[in-house]
Amino acid sequence: MSTSDWTKLAKQIAHKPSKLKRMEKYNKPKQRTTGVDKYRCEICGRRGAHINKYGLHICRQCFRDVARELGFKKYGHEV
């Protein structure tokens, strides 16, 4: 169950406290401590292809856009 599905269900049964409590106990998504879902791109919010090195916290697609501004050089091709 995804997070958005969980919030939709919580809204639907908000007026039934006992059912809401039971649903939260068994179905609420846990806080991630490791893995792909822990980090998000600071620019676009994408979760995959995350560059954590040097404290960048951006995805590879956004890195391509801002690499020159950050001081990275592209080797191999003269652009």
N, C-alpha and C. Protein backbone atom coordinates (compact mmCIF):
# COMPACT_ATOMS: atom_id res chain seq x y z
N MET A 1 0.85 -1.17 0.00
CA MET A 1 0.00 0.00 0.00
C MET A 1 0.89 1.24 0.00
N SER A 2 0.67 2.12 -0.94
CA SER A 2 1.48 3.32 -1.02
C SER A 2 1.01 4.36 -0.01
N THR A 3 1.83 5.38 0.18
CA THR A 3 1.50 6.41 1.15
C THR A 3 0.24 7.16 0.77
N SER A 4 0.07 7.45 -0.53
CA SER A 4 -1.13 8.18 -0.94
C SER A 4 -2.38 7.34 -0.71
N ASP A 5 -2.31 6.02 -0.96
CA ASP A 5 -3.45 5.15 -0.69
C ASP A 5 -3.78 5.15 0.79
N TRP A 6 -2.75 5.15 1.63
CA TRP A 6 -2.96 5.12 3.07
C TRP A 6 -3.68 6.38 3.54
N THR A 7 -3.26 7.54 3.03
CA THR A 7 -3.90 8.80 3.45
C THR A 7 -5.35 8.87 2.97
N LYS A 8 -5.63 8.35 1.78
CA LYS A 8 -7.01 8.33 1.28
C LYS A 8 -7.90 7.47 2.18
N LEU A 9 -7.39 6.29 2.55
CA LEU A 9 -8.16 5.41 3.42
C LEU A 9 -8.37 6.04 4.79
N ALA A 10 -7.36 6.71 5.30
CA ALA A 10 -7.47 7.34 6.62
C ALA A 10 -8.57 8.41 6.61
N LYS A 11 -8.68 9.16 5.52
CA LYS A 11 -9.73 10.18 5.42
C LYS A 11 -11.11 9.53 5.36
N GLN A 12 -11.21 8.39 4.70
CA GLN A 12 -12.51 7.74 4.54
C GLN A 12 -13.06 7.19 5.85
N ILE A 13 -12.18 6.71 6.71
CA ILE A 13 -12.65 6.13 7.97
C ILE A 13 -12.32 7.01 9.18
N ALA A 14 -12.12 8.29 8.96
CA ALA A 14 -11.77 9.21 10.05
C ALA A 14 -12.87 9.30 11.10
N HIS A 15 -14.11 9.12 10.70
CA HIS A 15 -15.23 9.20 11.63
C HIS A 15 -15.45 7.91 12.42
N LYS A 16 -14.65 6.88 12.15
CA LYS A 16 -14.72 5.61 12.88
C LYS A 16 -13.39 5.40 13.61
N PRO A 17 -13.25 5.92 14.84
CA PRO A 17 -11.95 5.91 15.51
C PRO A 17 -11.37 4.52 15.76
N SER A 18 -12.19 3.53 16.06
CA SER A 18 -11.64 2.20 16.33
C SER A 18 -11.06 1.58 15.05
N LYS A 19 -11.74 1.75 13.93
CA LYS A 19 -11.23 1.21 12.67
C LYS A 19 -9.98 1.97 12.23
N LEU A 20 -9.97 3.28 12.44
CA LEU A 20 -8.81 4.09 12.08
C LEU A 20 -7.59 3.68 12.89
N LYS A 21 -7.77 3.45 14.17
CA LYS A 21 -6.68 3.04 15.05
C LYS A 21 -6.10 1.69 14.61
N ARG A 22 -6.98 0.75 14.28
CA ARG A 22 -6.53 -0.58 13.84
C ARG A 22 -5.82 -0.49 12.49
N MET A 23 -6.35 0.34 11.58
CA MET A 23 -5.72 0.48 10.28
C MET A 23 -4.32 1.11 10.42
N GLU A 24 -4.20 2.13 11.28
CA GLU A 24 -2.89 2.75 11.50
C GLU A 24 -1.89 1.76 12.07
N LYS A 25 -2.35 0.89 12.95
CA LYS A 25 -1.46 -0.07 13.59
C LYS A 25 -0.83 -1.02 12.58
N TYR A 26 -1.61 -1.49 11.62
CA TYR A 26 -1.12 -2.51 10.71
C TYR A 26 -0.73 -2.01 9.33
N ASN A 27 -1.24 -0.87 8.88
CA ASN A 27 -1.04 -0.46 7.49
C ASN A 27 -0.26 0.83 7.29
N LYS A 28 0.03 1.58 8.33
CA LYS A 28 0.75 2.84 8.17
C LYS A 28 2.15 2.57 7.66
N PRO A 29 2.60 3.31 6.61
CA PRO A 29 3.95 3.08 6.10
C PRO A 29 5.00 3.48 7.13
N LYS A 30 6.03 2.66 7.25
CA LYS A 30 7.06 2.93 8.25
C LYS A 30 8.06 3.97 7.72
N GLN A 31 8.73 4.62 8.65
CA GLN A 31 9.77 5.58 8.30
C GLN A 31 10.99 4.81 7.82
N ARG A 32 11.51 5.15 6.64
CA ARG A 32 12.64 4.44 6.07
C ARG A 32 13.95 4.92 6.70
N THR A 33 14.83 3.97 7.00
CA THR A 33 16.14 4.32 7.56
C THR A 33 17.26 4.07 6.58
N THR A 34 17.02 3.22 5.58
CA THR A 34 18.02 2.95 4.55
C THR A 34 17.31 2.72 3.23
N GLY A 35 18.08 2.69 2.16
CA GLY A 35 17.53 2.33 0.87
C GLY A 35 17.15 3.51 0.00
N VAL A 36 16.53 3.19 -1.13
CA VAL A 36 16.20 4.18 -2.16
C VAL A 36 15.18 5.19 -1.65
N ASP A 37 14.23 4.75 -0.86
CA ASP A 37 13.14 5.63 -0.43
C ASP A 37 13.54 6.66 0.61
N LYS A 38 14.73 6.55 1.19
CA LYS A 38 15.11 7.47 2.25
C LYS A 38 15.41 8.87 1.72
N TYR A 39 16.07 8.96 0.56
CA TYR A 39 16.51 10.25 0.04
C TYR A 39 15.68 10.70 -1.14
N ARG A 40 15.47 12.01 -1.24
CA ARG A 40 14.78 12.60 -2.37
C ARG A 40 15.65 13.72 -2.93
N CYS A 41 15.49 13.98 -4.20
CA CYS A 41 16.20 15.08 -4.85
C CYS A 41 15.70 16.40 -4.27
N GLU A 42 16.63 17.29 -3.91
CA GLU A 42 16.24 18.57 -3.33
C GLU A 42 15.63 19.51 -4.38
N ILE A 43 15.89 19.25 -5.66
CA ILE A 43 15.41 20.13 -6.71
C ILE A 43 14.03 19.68 -7.21
N CYS A 44 13.93 18.42 -7.64
CA CYS A 44 12.68 17.96 -8.26
C CYS A 44 11.89 16.97 -7.39
N GLY A 45 12.49 16.37 -6.37
CA GLY A 45 11.77 15.44 -5.50
C GLY A 45 11.81 14.00 -5.95
N ARG A 46 12.53 13.69 -7.03
CA ARG A 46 12.64 12.33 -7.55
C ARG A 46 13.41 11.46 -6.55
N ARG A 47 13.03 10.21 -6.43
CA ARG A 47 13.67 9.32 -5.46
C ARG A 47 14.80 8.48 -6.05
N GLY A 48 14.71 8.11 -7.33
CA GLY A 48 15.71 7.23 -7.92
C GLY A 48 16.92 7.98 -8.44
N ALA A 49 18.01 7.27 -8.68
CA ALA A 49 19.25 7.80 -9.25
C ALA A 49 19.76 8.98 -8.43
N HIS A 50 19.84 8.80 -7.14
CA HIS A 50 20.18 9.86 -6.20
C HIS A 50 21.70 9.95 -6.02
N ILE A 51 22.26 11.16 -6.12
CA ILE A 51 23.69 11.37 -5.89
C ILE A 51 23.85 11.98 -4.50
N ASN A 52 24.37 11.18 -3.60
CA ASN A 52 24.53 11.59 -2.21
C ASN A 52 25.95 12.08 -1.93
N LYS A 53 26.87 11.75 -2.83
CA LYS A 53 28.28 12.07 -2.62
C LYS A 53 28.48 13.58 -2.55
N TYR A 54 29.40 14.02 -1.71
CA TYR A 54 29.71 15.43 -1.48
C TYR A 54 28.53 16.19 -0.89
N GLY A 55 27.54 15.49 -0.36
CA GLY A 55 26.38 16.15 0.23
C GLY A 55 25.47 16.84 -0.77
N LEU A 56 25.45 16.35 -2.01
CA LEU A 56 24.66 17.00 -3.05
C LEU A 56 23.16 16.76 -2.88
N HIS A 57 22.76 15.51 -2.63
CA HIS A 57 21.36 15.13 -2.48
C HIS A 57 20.50 15.58 -3.66
N ILE A 58 20.96 15.29 -4.88
CA ILE A 58 20.17 15.57 -6.08
C ILE A 58 20.20 14.35 -6.98
N CYS A 59 19.23 14.24 -7.87
CA CYS A 59 19.18 13.11 -8.79
C CYS A 59 20.13 13.36 -9.96
N ARG A 60 20.40 12.34 -10.73
CA ARG A 60 21.37 12.47 -11.81
C ARG A 60 20.88 13.41 -12.91
N GLN A 61 19.57 13.46 -13.13
CA GLN A 61 19.03 14.34 -14.16
C GLN A 61 19.22 15.81 -13.78
N CYS A 62 18.97 16.15 -12.54
CA CYS A 62 19.18 17.53 -12.09
C CYS A 62 20.66 17.85 -12.00
N PHE A 63 21.48 16.85 -11.68
CA PHE A 63 22.91 17.06 -11.62
C PHE A 63 23.46 17.50 -12.98
N ARG A 64 22.95 16.92 -14.05
CA ARG A 64 23.39 17.31 -15.39
C ARG A 64 23.12 18.78 -15.65
N ASP A 65 22.02 19.29 -15.12
CA ASP A 65 21.66 20.70 -15.32
C ASP A 65 22.55 21.66 -14.53
N VAL A 66 22.94 21.27 -13.32
CA VAL A 66 23.66 22.20 -12.45
C VAL A 66 25.14 21.88 -12.26
N ALA A 67 25.65 20.88 -12.96
CA ALA A 67 27.03 20.43 -12.74
C ALA A 67 28.05 21.53 -13.00
N ARG A 68 27.91 22.26 -14.07
CA ARG A 68 28.87 23.33 -14.38
C ARG A 68 28.83 24.44 -13.32
N GLU A 69 27.66 24.76 -12.82
CA GLU A 69 27.53 25.78 -11.78
C GLU A 69 28.22 25.35 -10.49
N LEU A 70 28.22 24.04 -10.23
CA LEU A 70 28.85 23.51 -9.03
C LEU A 70 30.36 23.36 -9.18
N GLY A 71 30.88 23.49 -10.41
CA GLY A 71 32.30 23.42 -10.62
C GLY A 71 32.80 22.09 -11.19
N PHE A 72 31.91 21.22 -11.63
CA PHE A 72 32.29 19.96 -12.24
C PHE A 72 32.58 20.19 -13.72
N LYS A 73 33.54 19.44 -14.25
CA LYS A 73 33.87 19.52 -15.66
C LYS A 73 33.51 18.22 -16.35
N LYS A 74 33.13 18.32 -17.61
CA LYS A 74 32.83 17.14 -18.40
C LYS A 74 34.05 16.82 -19.24
N TYR A 75 34.60 15.65 -19.06
CA TYR A 75 35.79 15.24 -19.79
C TYR A 75 35.39 14.37 -20.97
N GLY A 76 36.16 14.43 -22.04
CA GLY A 76 35.93 13.56 -23.18
C GLY A 76 35.32 14.26 -24.36
N HIS A 77 34.46 15.22 -24.12
CA HIS A 77 33.81 15.98 -25.19
C HIS A 77 34.00 17.46 -24.91
N GLU A 78 34.29 18.20 -25.90
CA GLU A 78 34.45 19.65 -25.75
C GLU A 78 33.10 20.31 -26.03
N VAL A 79 32.49 20.85 -25.00
CA VAL A 79 31.18 21.48 -25.14
C VAL A 79 31.25 22.93 -24.74
